[in-house]
Amino acid sequence: MLMTTADLVADLRRCRYSGCSCCGHQCGSAACIDHILVYAADKIEELTDRCARYAEEIAVLQEERKRAASADVAPVVYGRWIRHDDGVITCSECGNAESSDSYYCRYCGAKMDGDGEHEV
């Protein structure tokens, strides 16, 4: 008989007073209580194993997060579009000429937000 944690706790609380799933009546007998204790020990072991697996999974995820955080990435370069009198738009960082402004320079990858105030 496989017991859920809720059933097990309920039986432990009521065996002596209102009937349990082991014998169906108020007995509080040693055999009935021993039966419930065996299920309780099995459930505790199962939950302990599950917690250990979760702890291992959490440790793996934390390690993967550390590796991802330390990835070798280039810092973001910020620039702005310079509009010239002849209608040409150029990147302030590389001088690349564009026909229309966008959020990034297609040549050097500079992020075009124009204010020049950014955290490093």
PDB file of N, CA and C in Angstrom:
ATOM      1  N   MET A   1       0.850  -1.186   0.000  1.00  0.00           N
ATOM      2  CA  MET A   1       0.000   0.000   0.000  1.00  0.00           C
ATOM      3  C   MET A   1       0.886   1.236   0.000  1.00  0.00           C
ATOM      4  N   LEU A   2       0.691   2.116  -0.965  1.00  0.00           N
ATOM      5  CA  LEU A   2       1.460   3.341  -1.077  1.00  0.00           C
ATOM      6  C   LEU A   2       0.683   4.475  -0.434  1.00  0.00           C
ATOM      7  N   MET A   3       1.287   5.148   0.523  1.00  0.00           N
ATOM      8  CA  MET A   3       0.603   6.227   1.217  1.00  0.00           C
ATOM      9  C   MET A   3       1.181   7.564   0.788  1.00  0.00           C
ATOM     10  N   THR A   4       0.306   8.551   0.663  1.00  0.00           N
ATOM     11  CA  THR A   4       0.787   9.907   0.407  1.00  0.00           C
ATOM     12  C   THR A   4       1.256  10.492   1.728  1.00  0.00           C
ATOM     13  N   THR A   5       2.019  11.559   1.629  1.00  0.00           N
ATOM     14  CA  THR A   5       2.492  12.226   2.848  1.00  0.00           C
ATOM     15  C   THR A   5       1.311  12.694   3.686  1.00  0.00           C
ATOM     16  N   ALA A   6       0.291  13.250   3.045  1.00  0.00           N
ATOM     17  CA  ALA A   6      -0.884  13.750   3.774  1.00  0.00           C
ATOM     18  C   ALA A   6      -1.599  12.618   4.504  1.00  0.00           C
ATOM     19  N   ASP A   7      -1.752  11.449   3.817  1.00  0.00           N
ATOM     20  CA  ASP A   7      -2.403  10.300   4.470  1.00  0.00           C
ATOM     21  C   ASP A   7      -1.594   9.819   5.669  1.00  0.00           C
ATOM     22  N   LEU A   8      -0.301   9.792   5.489  1.00  0.00           N
ATOM     23  CA  LEU A   8       0.575   9.328   6.557  1.00  0.00           C
ATOM     24  C   LEU A   8       0.478  10.235   7.779  1.00  0.00           C
ATOM     25  N   VAL A   9       0.540  11.528   7.563  1.00  0.00           N
ATOM     26  CA  VAL A   9       0.440  12.475   8.678  1.00  0.00           C
ATOM     27  C   VAL A   9      -0.926  12.348   9.344  1.00  0.00           C
ATOM     28  N   ALA A  10      -1.972  12.233   8.538  1.00  0.00           N
ATOM     29  CA  ALA A  10      -3.312  12.086   9.107  1.00  0.00           C
ATOM     30  C   ALA A  10      -3.410  10.826   9.960  1.00  0.00           C
ATOM     31  N   ASP A  11      -2.878   9.704   9.473  1.00  0.00           N
ATOM     32  CA  ASP A  11      -2.915   8.464  10.254  1.00  0.00           C
ATOM     33  C   ASP A  11      -2.125   8.592  11.551  1.00  0.00           C
ATOM     34  N   LEU A  12      -0.971   9.235  11.474  1.00  0.00           N
ATOM     35  CA  LEU A  12      -0.177   9.417  12.689  1.00  0.00           C
ATOM     36  C   LEU A  12      -0.939  10.245  13.718  1.00  0.00           C
ATOM     37  N   ARG A  13      -1.728  11.189  13.263  1.00  0.00           N
ATOM     38  CA  ARG A  13      -2.472  12.055  14.185  1.00  0.00           C
ATOM     39  C   ARG A  13      -3.737  11.392  14.742  1.00  0.00           C
ATOM     40  N   ARG A  14      -4.369  10.497  13.999  1.00  0.00           N
ATOM     41  CA  ARG A  14      -5.680  10.013  14.415  1.00  0.00           C
ATOM     42  C   ARG A  14      -5.781   8.517  14.716  1.00  0.00           C
ATOM     43  N   CYS A  15      -4.764   7.740  14.529  1.00  0.00           N
ATOM     44  CA  CYS A  15      -4.848   6.281  14.704  1.00  0.00           C
ATOM     45  C   CYS A  15      -5.478   5.910  16.042  1.00  0.00           C
ATOM     46  N   ARG A  16      -5.063   6.563  17.048  1.00  0.00           N
ATOM     47  CA  ARG A  16      -5.527   6.208  18.388  1.00  0.00           C
ATOM     48  C   ARG A  16      -6.940   6.716  18.675  1.00  0.00           C
ATOM     49  N   TYR A  17      -7.413   7.690  17.897  1.00  0.00           N
ATOM     50  CA  TYR A  17      -8.670   8.345  18.274  1.00  0.00           C
ATOM     51  C   TYR A  17      -9.849   8.103  17.339  1.00  0.00           C
ATOM     52  N   SER A  18      -9.624   7.997  16.023  1.00  0.00           N
ATOM     53  CA  SER A  18     -10.801   7.952  15.146  1.00  0.00           C
ATOM     54  C   SER A  18     -10.697   6.959  13.997  1.00  0.00           C
ATOM     55  N   GLY A  19      -9.737   6.138  13.954  1.00  0.00           N
ATOM     56  CA  GLY A  19      -9.625   5.156  12.884  1.00  0.00           C
ATOM     57  C   GLY A  19      -8.625   5.570  11.827  1.00  0.00           C
ATOM     58  N   CYS A  20      -7.811   4.636  11.425  1.00  0.00           N
ATOM     59  CA  CYS A  20      -6.774   4.937  10.448  1.00  0.00           C
ATOM     60  C   CYS A  20      -6.962   4.093   9.203  1.00  0.00           C
ATOM     61  N   SER A  21      -6.172   4.357   8.182  1.00  0.00           N
ATOM     62  CA  SER A  21      -6.294   3.609   6.935  1.00  0.00           C
ATOM     63  C   SER A  21      -5.674   2.219   7.047  1.00  0.00           C
ATOM     64  N   CYS A  22      -4.908   1.961   8.098  1.00  0.00           N
ATOM     65  CA  CYS A  22      -4.290   0.641   8.252  1.00  0.00           C
ATOM     66  C   CYS A  22      -5.307  -0.408   8.698  1.00  0.00           C
ATOM     67  N   CYS A  23      -6.062  -0.077   9.747  1.00  0.00           N
ATOM     68  CA  CYS A  23      -6.988  -1.079  10.268  1.00  0.00           C
ATOM     69  C   CYS A  23      -8.439  -0.618  10.232  1.00  0.00           C
ATOM     70  N   GLY A  24      -8.672   0.671  10.025  1.00  0.00           N
ATOM     71  CA  GLY A  24     -10.025   1.196   9.872  1.00  0.00           C
ATOM     72  C   GLY A  24     -10.794   1.443  11.156  1.00  0.00           C
ATOM     73  N   HIS A  25     -10.180   1.266  12.289  1.00  0.00           N
ATOM     74  CA  HIS A  25     -10.901   1.551  13.525  1.00  0.00           C
ATOM     75  C   HIS A  25      -9.945   2.112  14.574  1.00  0.00           C
ATOM     76  N   GLN A  26     -10.528   2.540  15.699  1.00  0.00           N
ATOM     77  CA  GLN A  26      -9.722   3.089  16.777  1.00  0.00           C
ATOM     78  C   GLN A  26      -9.031   1.955  17.497  1.00  0.00           C
ATOM     79  N   CYS A  27      -7.790   1.846  17.276  1.00  0.00           N
ATOM     80  CA  CYS A  27      -7.155   0.757  18.006  1.00  0.00           C
ATOM     81  C   CYS A  27      -5.953   1.265  18.793  1.00  0.00           C
ATOM     82  N   GLY A  28      -5.104   1.979  18.125  1.00  0.00           N
ATOM     83  CA  GLY A  28      -3.888   2.403  18.798  1.00  0.00           C
ATOM     84  C   GLY A  28      -3.003   1.232  19.137  1.00  0.00           C
ATOM     85  N   SER A  29      -3.265   0.087  18.487  1.00  0.00           N
ATOM     86  CA  SER A  29      -2.483  -1.104  18.794  1.00  0.00           C
ATOM     87  C   SER A  29      -1.044  -0.944  18.324  1.00  0.00           C
ATOM     88  N   ALA A  30      -0.173  -1.688  18.953  1.00  0.00           N
ATOM     89  CA  ALA A  30       1.245  -1.626  18.602  1.00  0.00           C
ATOM     90  C   ALA A  30       1.461  -2.043  17.157  1.00  0.00           C
ATOM     91  N   ALA A  31       0.713  -3.045  16.694  1.00  0.00           N
ATOM     92  CA  ALA A  31       0.873  -3.517  15.312  1.00  0.00           C
ATOM     93  C   ALA A  31       0.467  -2.434  14.320  1.00  0.00           C
ATOM     94  N   CYS A  32      -0.637  -1.771  14.610  1.00  0.00           N
ATOM     95  CA  CYS A  32      -1.121  -0.700  13.729  1.00  0.00           C
ATOM     96  C   CYS A  32      -0.127   0.459  13.717  1.00  0.00           C
ATOM     97  N   ILE A  33       0.317   0.860  14.883  1.00  0.00           N
ATOM     98  CA  ILE A  33       1.269   1.971  14.987  1.00  0.00           C
ATOM     99  C   ILE A  33       2.593   1.593  14.329  1.00  0.00           C
ATOM    100  N   ASP A  34       3.057   0.367  14.514  1.00  0.00           N
ATOM    101  CA  ASP A  34       4.287  -0.090  13.849  1.00  0.00           C
ATOM    102  C   ASP A  34       4.147  -0.023  12.329  1.00  0.00           C
ATOM    103  N   HIS A  35       2.966  -0.415  11.843  1.00  0.00           N
ATOM    104  CA  HIS A  35       2.703  -0.375  10.413  1.00  0.00           C
ATOM    105  C   HIS A  35       2.826   1.073   9.890  1.00  0.00           C
ATOM    106  N   ILE A  36       2.222   1.988  10.608  1.00  0.00           N
ATOM    107  CA  ILE A  36       2.286   3.401  10.215  1.00  0.00           C
ATOM    108  C   ILE A  36       3.725   3.905  10.306  1.00  0.00           C
ATOM    109  N   LEU A  37       4.461   3.509  11.312  1.00  0.00           N
ATOM    110  CA  LEU A  37       5.841   3.953  11.470  1.00  0.00           C
ATOM    111  C   LEU A  37       6.737   3.464  10.325  1.00  0.00           C
ATOM    112  N   VAL A  38       6.476   2.262   9.817  1.00  0.00           N
ATOM    113  CA  VAL A  38       7.232   1.755   8.668  1.00  0.00           C
ATOM    114  C   VAL A  38       6.984   2.659   7.461  1.00  0.00           C
ATOM    115  N   TYR A  39       5.709   3.002   7.215  1.00  0.00           N
ATOM    116  CA  TYR A  39       5.390   3.905   6.112  1.00  0.00           C
ATOM    117  C   TYR A  39       6.030   5.278   6.327  1.00  0.00           C
ATOM    118  N   ALA A  40       6.026   5.736   7.571  1.00  0.00           N
ATOM    119  CA  ALA A  40       6.624   7.041   7.877  1.00  0.00           C
ATOM    120  C   ALA A  40       8.121   7.030   7.588  1.00  0.00           C
ATOM    121  N   ALA A  41       8.798   5.969   7.981  1.00  0.00           N
ATOM    122  CA  ALA A  41      10.240   5.869   7.728  1.00  0.00           C
ATOM    123  C   ALA A  41      10.519   5.839   6.228  1.00  0.00           C
ATOM    124  N   ASP A  42       9.707   5.088   5.463  1.00  0.00           N
ATOM    125  CA  ASP A  42       9.869   5.038   4.007  1.00  0.00           C
ATOM    126  C   ASP A  42       9.663   6.419   3.384  1.00  0.00           C
ATOM    127  N   LYS A  43       8.643   7.126   3.857  1.00  0.00           N
ATOM    128  CA  LYS A  43       8.334   8.450   3.313  1.00  0.00           C
ATOM    129  C   LYS A  43       9.445   9.443   3.641  1.00  0.00           C
ATOM    130  N   ILE A  44       9.960   9.378   4.853  1.00  0.00           N
ATOM    131  CA  ILE A  44      11.064  10.266   5.232  1.00  0.00           C
ATOM    132  C   ILE A  44      12.282  10.000   4.360  1.00  0.00           C
ATOM    133  N   GLU A  45      12.574   8.731   4.117  1.00  0.00           N
ATOM    134  CA  GLU A  45      13.702   8.376   3.251  1.00  0.00           C
ATOM    135  C   GLU A  45      13.483   8.893   1.828  1.00  0.00           C
ATOM    136  N   GLU A  46      12.262   8.713   1.309  1.00  0.00           N
ATOM    137  CA  GLU A  46      11.945   9.187  -0.042  1.00  0.00           C
ATOM    138  C   GLU A  46      12.110  10.709  -0.141  1.00  0.00           C
ATOM    139  N   LEU A  47      11.581  11.424   0.828  1.00  0.00           N
ATOM    140  CA  LEU A  47      11.665  12.885   0.804  1.00  0.00           C
ATOM    141  C   LEU A  47      13.102  13.379   0.983  1.00  0.00           C
ATOM    142  N   THR A  48      13.886  12.678   1.802  1.00  0.00           N
ATOM    143  CA  THR A  48      15.286  13.032   1.987  1.00  0.00           C
ATOM    144  C   THR A  48      16.058  12.854   0.684  1.00  0.00           C
ATOM    145  N   ASP A  49      15.814  11.738  -0.010  1.00  0.00           N
ATOM    146  CA  ASP A  49      16.459  11.508  -1.307  1.00  0.00           C
ATOM    147  C   ASP A  49      16.059  12.579  -2.314  1.00  0.00           C
ATOM    148  N   ARG A  50      14.783  12.937  -2.329  1.00  0.00           N
ATOM    149  CA  ARG A  50      14.308  13.962  -3.257  1.00  0.00           C
ATOM    150  C   ARG A  50      14.967  15.308  -2.964  1.00  0.00           C
ATOM    151  N   CYS A  51      15.079  15.649  -1.687  1.00  0.00           N
ATOM    152  CA  CYS A  51      15.734  16.908  -1.311  1.00  0.00           C
ATOM    153  C   CYS A  51      17.202  16.913  -1.741  1.00  0.00           C
ATOM    154  N   ALA A  52      17.871  15.777  -1.606  1.00  0.00           N
ATOM    155  CA  ALA A  52      19.273  15.678  -2.022  1.00  0.00           C
ATOM    156  C   ALA A  52      19.398  15.873  -3.528  1.00  0.00           C
ATOM    157  N   ARG A  53      18.475  15.291  -4.286  1.00  0.00           N
ATOM    158  CA  ARG A  53      18.500  15.480  -5.752  1.00  0.00           C
ATOM    159  C   ARG A  53      18.265  16.941  -6.103  1.00  0.00           C
ATOM    160  N   TYR A  54      17.313  17.582  -5.431  1.00  0.00           N
ATOM    161  CA  TYR A  54      17.047  18.999  -5.687  1.00  0.00           C
ATOM    162  C   TYR A  54      18.274  19.847  -5.355  1.00  0.00           C
ATOM    163  N   ALA A  55      18.940  19.525  -4.255  1.00  0.00           N
ATOM    164  CA  ALA A  55      20.141  20.275  -3.867  1.00  0.00           C
ATOM    165  C   ALA A  55      21.226  20.127  -4.930  1.00  0.00           C
ATOM    166  N   GLU A  56      21.385  18.925  -5.475  1.00  0.00           N
ATOM    167  CA  GLU A  56      22.367  18.710  -6.545  1.00  0.00           C
ATOM    168  C   GLU A  56      21.996  19.505  -7.788  1.00  0.00           C
ATOM    169  N   GLU A  57      20.714  19.504  -8.152  1.00  0.00           N
ATOM    170  CA  GLU A  57      20.268  20.256  -9.327  1.00  0.00           C
ATOM    171  C   GLU A  57      20.487  21.751  -9.128  1.00  0.00           C
ATOM    172  N   ILE A  58      20.217  22.240  -7.933  1.00  0.00           N
ATOM    173  CA  ILE A  58      20.428  23.662  -7.637  1.00  0.00           C
ATOM    174  C   ILE A  58      21.902  24.007  -7.755  1.00  0.00           C
ATOM    175  N   ALA A  59      22.784  23.152  -7.237  1.00  0.00           N
ATOM    176  CA  ALA A  59      24.224  23.400  -7.321  1.00  0.00           C
ATOM    177  C   ALA A  59      24.691  23.451  -8.775  1.00  0.00           C
ATOM    178  N   VAL A  60      24.174  22.553  -9.610  1.00  0.00           N
ATOM    179  CA  VAL A  60      24.530  22.554 -11.034  1.00  0.00           C
ATOM    180  C   VAL A  60      24.061  23.842 -11.691  1.00  0.00           C
ATOM    181  N   LEU A  61      22.834  24.263 -11.414  1.00  0.00           N
ATOM    182  CA  LEU A  61      22.308  25.495 -12.001  1.00  0.00           C
ATOM    183  C   LEU A  61      23.092  26.722 -11.535  1.00  0.00           C
ATOM    184  N   GLN A  62      23.494  26.742 -10.260  1.00  0.00           N
ATOM    185  CA  GLN A  62      24.289  27.862  -9.755  1.00  0.00           C
ATOM    186  C   GLN A  62      25.645  27.916 -10.457  1.00  0.00           C
ATOM    187  N   GLU A  63      26.249  26.769 -10.692  1.00  0.00           N
ATOM    188  CA  GLU A  63      27.540  26.727 -11.388  1.00  0.00           C
ATOM    189  C   GLU A  63      27.382  27.191 -12.831  1.00  0.00           C
ATOM    190  N   GLU A  64      26.326  26.761 -13.495  1.00  0.00           N
ATOM    191  CA  GLU A  64      26.074  27.209 -14.867  1.00  0.00           C
ATOM    192  C   GLU A  64      25.842  28.712 -14.916  1.00  0.00           C
ATOM    193  N   ARG A  65      25.160  29.237 -13.917  1.00  0.00           N
ATOM    194  CA  ARG A  65      24.906  30.685 -13.849  1.00  0.00           C
ATOM    195  C   ARG A  65      26.215  31.439 -13.672  1.00  0.00           C
ATOM    196  N   LYS A  66      27.115  30.915 -12.844  1.00  0.00           N
ATOM    197  CA  LYS A  66      28.419  31.563 -12.653  1.00  0.00           C
ATOM    198  C   LYS A  66      29.199  31.604 -13.959  1.00  0.00           C
ATOM    199  N   ARG A  67      29.186  30.469 -14.685  1.00  0.00           N
ATOM    200  CA  ARG A  67      29.905  30.418 -15.965  1.00  0.00           C
ATOM    201  C   ARG A  67      29.309  31.398 -16.966  1.00  0.00           C
ATOM    202  N   ALA A  68      27.999  31.495 -17.000  1.00  0.00           N
ATOM    203  CA  ALA A  68      27.342  32.408 -17.938  1.00  0.00           C
ATOM    204  C   ALA A  68      27.640  33.856 -17.576  1.00  0.00           C
ATOM    205  N   ALA A  69      27.699  34.147 -16.277  1.00  0.00           N
ATOM    206  CA  ALA A  69      27.965  35.516 -15.839  1.00  0.00           C
ATOM    207  C   ALA A  69      29.388  35.943 -16.159  1.00  0.00           C
ATOM    208  N   SER A  70      30.299  34.984 -16.238  1.00  0.00           N
ATOM    209  CA  SER A  70      31.689  35.329 -16.508  1.00  0.00           C
ATOM    210  C   SER A  70      32.048  35.131 -17.974  1.00  0.00           C
ATOM    211  N   ALA A  71      31.046  35.114 -18.839  1.00  0.00           N
ATOM    212  CA  ALA A  71      31.297  34.923 -20.266  1.00  0.00           C
ATOM    213  C   ALA A  71      32.133  36.084 -20.804  1.00  0.00           C
ATOM    214  N   ASP A  72      32.935  35.778 -21.798  1.00  0.00           N
ATOM    215  CA  ASP A  72      33.799  36.781 -22.410  1.00  0.00           C
ATOM    216  C   ASP A  72      32.993  37.578 -23.429  1.00  0.00           C
ATOM    217  N   VAL A  73      32.533  38.752 -23.018  1.00  0.00           N
ATOM    218  CA  VAL A  73      31.739  39.597 -23.902  1.00  0.00           C
ATOM    219  C   VAL A  73      32.373  40.979 -23.989  1.00  0.00           C
ATOM    220  N   ALA A  74      32.197  41.607 -25.111  1.00  0.00           N
ATOM    221  CA  ALA A  74      32.726  42.953 -25.312  1.00  0.00           C
ATOM    222  C   ALA A  74      31.805  43.959 -24.646  1.00  0.00           C
ATOM    223  N   PRO A  75      32.365  45.039 -24.114  1.00  0.00           N
ATOM    224  CA  PRO A  75      31.513  46.069 -23.518  1.00  0.00           C
ATOM    225  C   PRO A  75      30.680  46.756 -24.607  1.00  0.00           C
ATOM    226  N   VAL A  76      29.545  47.274 -24.215  1.00  0.00           N
ATOM    227  CA  VAL A  76      28.685  47.980 -25.158  1.00  0.00           C
ATOM    228  C   VAL A  76      29.330  49.314 -25.512  1.00  0.00           C
ATOM    229  N   VAL A  77      29.400  49.586 -26.806  1.00  0.00           N
ATOM    230  CA  VAL A  77      29.912  50.872 -27.281  1.00  0.00           C
ATOM    231  C   VAL A  77      28.706  51.741 -27.597  1.00  0.00           C
ATOM    232  N   TYR A  78      28.694  52.960 -27.055  1.00  0.00           N
ATOM    233  CA  TYR A  78      27.585  53.874 -27.283  1.00  0.00           C
ATOM    234  C   TYR A  78      28.016  54.961 -28.257  1.00  0.00           C
ATOM    235  N   GLY A  79      27.110  55.346 -29.082  1.00  0.00           N
ATOM    236  CA  GLY A  79      27.389  56.410 -30.036  1.00  0.00           C
ATOM    237  C   GLY A  79      26.134  57.198 -30.322  1.00  0.00           C
ATOM    238  N   ARG A  80      26.233  58.057 -31.330  1.00  0.00           N
ATOM    239  CA  ARG A  80      25.058  58.815 -31.755  1.00  0.00           C
ATOM    240  C   ARG A  80      25.161  59.049 -33.251  1.00  0.00           C
ATOM    241  N   TRP A  81      24.020  59.258 -33.859  1.00  0.00           N
ATOM    242  CA  TRP A  81      24.002  59.560 -35.282  1.00  0.00           C
ATOM    243  C   TRP A  81      24.287  61.039 -35.474  1.00  0.00           C
ATOM    244  N   ILE A  82      25.171  61.334 -36.399  1.00  0.00           N
ATOM    245  CA  ILE A  82      25.486  62.725 -36.741  1.00  0.00           C
ATOM    246  C   ILE A  82      24.818  63.012 -38.085  1.00  0.00           C
ATOM    247  N   ARG A  83      23.938  64.002 -38.092  1.00  0.00           N
ATOM    248  CA  ARG A  83      23.249  64.388 -39.327  1.00  0.00           C
ATOM    249  C   ARG A  83      24.009  65.557 -39.967  1.00  0.00           C
ATOM    250  N   HIS A  84      24.412  65.342 -41.183  1.00  0.00           N
ATOM    251  CA  HIS A  84      25.165  66.364 -41.914  1.00  0.00           C
ATOM    252  C   HIS A  84      24.216  67.183 -42.784  1.00  0.00           C
ATOM    253  N   ASP A  85      24.679  68.373 -43.174  1.00  0.00           N
ATOM    254  CA  ASP A  85      23.858  69.281 -43.981  1.00  0.00           C
ATOM    255  C   ASP A  85      23.425  68.671 -45.313  1.00  0.00           C
ATOM    256  N   ASP A  86      24.237  67.773 -45.850  1.00  0.00           N
ATOM    257  CA  ASP A  86      23.903  67.166 -47.143  1.00  0.00           C
ATOM    258  C   ASP A  86      22.949  65.979 -47.008  1.00  0.00           C
ATOM    259  N   GLY A  87      22.430  65.713 -45.769  1.00  0.00           N
ATOM    260  CA  GLY A  87      21.475  64.643 -45.557  1.00  0.00           C
ATOM    261  C   GLY A  87      22.089  63.305 -45.183  1.00  0.00           C
ATOM    262  N   VAL A  88      23.395  63.210 -45.190  1.00  0.00           N
ATOM    263  CA  VAL A  88      24.068  61.964 -44.824  1.00  0.00           C
ATOM    264  C   VAL A  88      24.063  61.826 -43.299  1.00  0.00           C
ATOM    265  N   ILE A  89      23.869  60.616 -42.844  1.00  0.00           N
ATOM    266  CA  ILE A  89      23.902  60.316 -41.404  1.00  0.00           C
ATOM    267  C   ILE A  89      25.108  59.421 -41.167  1.00  0.00           C
ATOM    268  N   THR A  90      25.978  59.801 -40.204  1.00  0.00           N
ATOM    269  CA  THR A  90      27.160  58.985 -39.908  1.00  0.00           C
ATOM    270  C   THR A  90      27.200  58.609 -38.438  1.00  0.00           C
ATOM    271  N   CYS A  91      27.880  57.512 -38.171  1.00  0.00           N
ATOM    272  CA  CYS A  91      28.073  57.015 -36.806  1.00  0.00           C
ATOM    273  C   CYS A  91      29.171  57.840 -36.140  1.00  0.00           C
ATOM    274  N   SER A  92      28.937  58.272 -34.901  1.00  0.00           N
ATOM    275  CA  SER A  92      29.935  59.067 -34.181  1.00  0.00           C
ATOM    276  C   SER A  92      31.162  58.239 -33.801  1.00  0.00           C
ATOM    277  N   GLU A  93      31.025  56.894 -33.770  1.00  0.00           N
ATOM    278  CA  GLU A  93      32.127  56.037 -33.352  1.00  0.00           C
ATOM    279  C   GLU A  93      33.036  55.594 -34.496  1.00  0.00           C
ATOM    280  N   CYS A  94      32.444  55.271 -35.648  1.00  0.00           N
ATOM    281  CA  CYS A  94      33.266  54.726 -36.736  1.00  0.00           C
ATOM    282  C   CYS A  94      33.177  55.540 -38.024  1.00  0.00           C
ATOM    283  N   GLY A  95      32.250  56.482 -38.105  1.00  0.00           N
ATOM    284  CA  GLY A  95      32.108  57.297 -39.302  1.00  0.00           C
ATOM    285  C   GLY A  95      31.334  56.627 -40.419  1.00  0.00           C
ATOM    286  N   ASN A  96      30.797  55.443 -40.202  1.00  0.00           N
ATOM    287  CA  ASN A  96      30.036  54.744 -41.228  1.00  0.00           C
ATOM    288  C   ASN A  96      28.829  55.573 -41.634  1.00  0.00           C
ATOM    289  N   ALA A  97      28.630  55.719 -42.933  1.00  0.00           N
ATOM    290  CA  ALA A  97      27.488  56.474 -43.448  1.00  0.00           C
ATOM    291  C   ALA A  97      26.284  55.552 -43.595  1.00  0.00           C
ATOM    292  N   GLU A  98      25.136  56.027 -43.172  1.00  0.00           N
ATOM    293  CA  GLU A  98      23.889  55.268 -43.262  1.00  0.00           C
ATOM    294  C   GLU A  98      22.858  56.116 -43.992  1.00  0.00           C
ATOM    295  N   SER A  99      21.885  55.444 -44.579  1.00  0.00           N
ATOM    296  CA  SER A  99      20.819  56.170 -45.267  1.00  0.00           C
ATOM    297  C   SER A  99      19.676  56.523 -44.311  1.00  0.00           C
ATOM    298  N   SER A 100      19.581  55.793 -43.211  1.00  0.00           N
ATOM    299  CA  SER A 100      18.565  56.109 -42.201  1.00  0.00           C
ATOM    300  C   SER A 100      19.116  55.739 -40.834  1.00  0.00           C
ATOM    301  N   ASP A 101      18.616  56.413 -39.808  1.00  0.00           N
ATOM    302  CA  ASP A 101      19.117  56.086 -38.464  1.00  0.00           C
ATOM    303  C   ASP A 101      18.405  54.854 -37.926  1.00  0.00           C
ATOM    304  N   SER A 102      19.100  54.125 -37.075  1.00  0.00           N
ATOM    305  CA  SER A 102      18.552  52.926 -36.438  1.00  0.00           C
ATOM    306  C   SER A 102      19.094  52.886 -35.014  1.00  0.00           C
ATOM    307  N   TYR A 103      18.775  51.826 -34.290  1.00  0.00           N
ATOM    308  CA  TYR A 103      19.220  51.726 -32.898  1.00  0.00           C
ATOM    309  C   TYR A 103      20.691  51.343 -32.762  1.00  0.00           C
ATOM    310  N   TYR A 104      21.261  50.733 -33.806  1.00  0.00           N
ATOM    311  CA  TYR A 104      22.656  50.295 -33.788  1.00  0.00           C
ATOM    312  C   TYR A 104      23.316  50.616 -35.122  1.00  0.00           C
ATOM    313  N   CYS A 105      24.620  50.882 -35.082  1.00  0.00           N
ATOM    314  CA  CYS A 105      25.388  51.051 -36.309  1.00  0.00           C
ATOM    315  C   CYS A 105      25.613  49.663 -36.919  1.00  0.00           C
ATOM    316  N   ARG A 106      25.311  49.500 -38.192  1.00  0.00           N
ATOM    317  CA  ARG A 106      25.489  48.203 -38.841  1.00  0.00           C
ATOM    318  C   ARG A 106      26.960  47.850 -39.014  1.00  0.00           C
ATOM    319  N   TYR A 107      27.841  48.832 -38.992  1.00  0.00           N
ATOM    320  CA  TYR A 107      29.263  48.564 -39.230  1.00  0.00           C
ATOM    321  C   TYR A 107      30.012  48.210 -37.936  1.00  0.00           C
ATOM    322  N   CYS A 108      29.896  49.067 -36.904  1.00  0.00           N
ATOM    323  CA  CYS A 108      30.677  48.824 -35.678  1.00  0.00           C
ATOM    324  C   CYS A 108      29.849  48.291 -34.510  1.00  0.00           C
ATOM    325  N   GLY A 109      28.521  48.324 -34.613  1.00  0.00           N
ATOM    326  CA  GLY A 109      27.664  47.792 -33.556  1.00  0.00           C
ATOM    327  C   GLY A 109      27.379  48.752 -32.423  1.00  0.00           C
ATOM    328  N   ALA A 110      27.813  50.002 -32.538  1.00  0.00           N
ATOM    329  CA  ALA A 110      27.572  50.976 -31.472  1.00  0.00           C
ATOM    330  C   ALA A 110      26.073  51.161 -31.263  1.00  0.00           C
ATOM    331  N   LYS A 111      25.684  51.249 -29.996  1.00  0.00           N
ATOM    332  CA  LYS A 111      24.283  51.471 -29.650  1.00  0.00           C
ATOM    333  C   LYS A 111      24.017  52.967 -29.730  1.00  0.00           C
ATOM    334  N   MET A 112      23.035  53.314 -30.507  1.00  0.00           N
ATOM    335  CA  MET A 112      22.740  54.722 -30.750  1.00  0.00           C
ATOM    336  C   MET A 112      21.607  55.198 -29.862  1.00  0.00           C
ATOM    337  N   ASP A 113      21.991  55.800 -28.722  1.00  0.00           N
ATOM    338  CA  ASP A 113      20.960  56.409 -27.900  1.00  0.00           C
ATOM    339  C   ASP A 113      21.281  57.859 -27.602  1.00  0.00           C
ATOM    340  N   GLY A 114      22.431  58.299 -28.032  1.00  0.00           N
ATOM    341  CA  GLY A 114      22.736  59.717 -28.125  1.00  0.00           C
ATOM    342  C   GLY A 114      23.140  60.480 -26.893  1.00  0.00           C
ATOM    343  N   ASP A 115      22.835  60.023 -25.653  1.00  0.00           N
ATOM    344  CA  ASP A 115      23.117  60.894 -24.521  1.00  0.00           C
ATOM    345  C   ASP A 115      24.533  60.789 -23.971  1.00  0.00           C
ATOM    346  N   GLY A 116      25.224  59.694 -24.233  1.00  0.00           N
ATOM    347  CA  GLY A 116      26.614  59.547 -23.818  1.00  0.00           C
ATOM    348  C   GLY A 116      26.821  59.287 -22.336  1.00  0.00           C
ATOM    349  N   GLU A 117      25.761  59.203 -21.530  1.00  0.00           N
ATOM    350  CA  GLU A 117      25.851  58.937 -20.102  1.00  0.00           C
ATOM    351  C   GLU A 117      25.450  57.497 -19.824  1.00  0.00           C
ATOM    352  N   HIS A 118      26.425  56.644 -19.571  1.00  0.00           N
ATOM    353  CA  HIS A 118      26.136  55.217 -19.376  1.00  0.00           C
ATOM    354  C   HIS A 118      27.006  54.638 -18.280  1.00  0.00           C
ATOM    355  N   GLU A 119      26.457  53.593 -17.612  1.00  0.00           N
ATOM    356  CA  GLU A 119      27.251  52.852 -16.624  1.00  0.00           C
ATOM    357  C   GLU A 119      28.214  51.939 -17.358  1.00  0.00           C
ATOM    358  N   VAL A 120      29.371  51.727 -16.746  1.00  0.00           N
ATOM    359  CA  VAL A 120      30.357  50.826 -17.365  1.00  0.00           C
ATOM    360  C   VAL A 120      30.230  49.459 -16.747  1.00  0.00           C
TER     361      VAL A 120
END
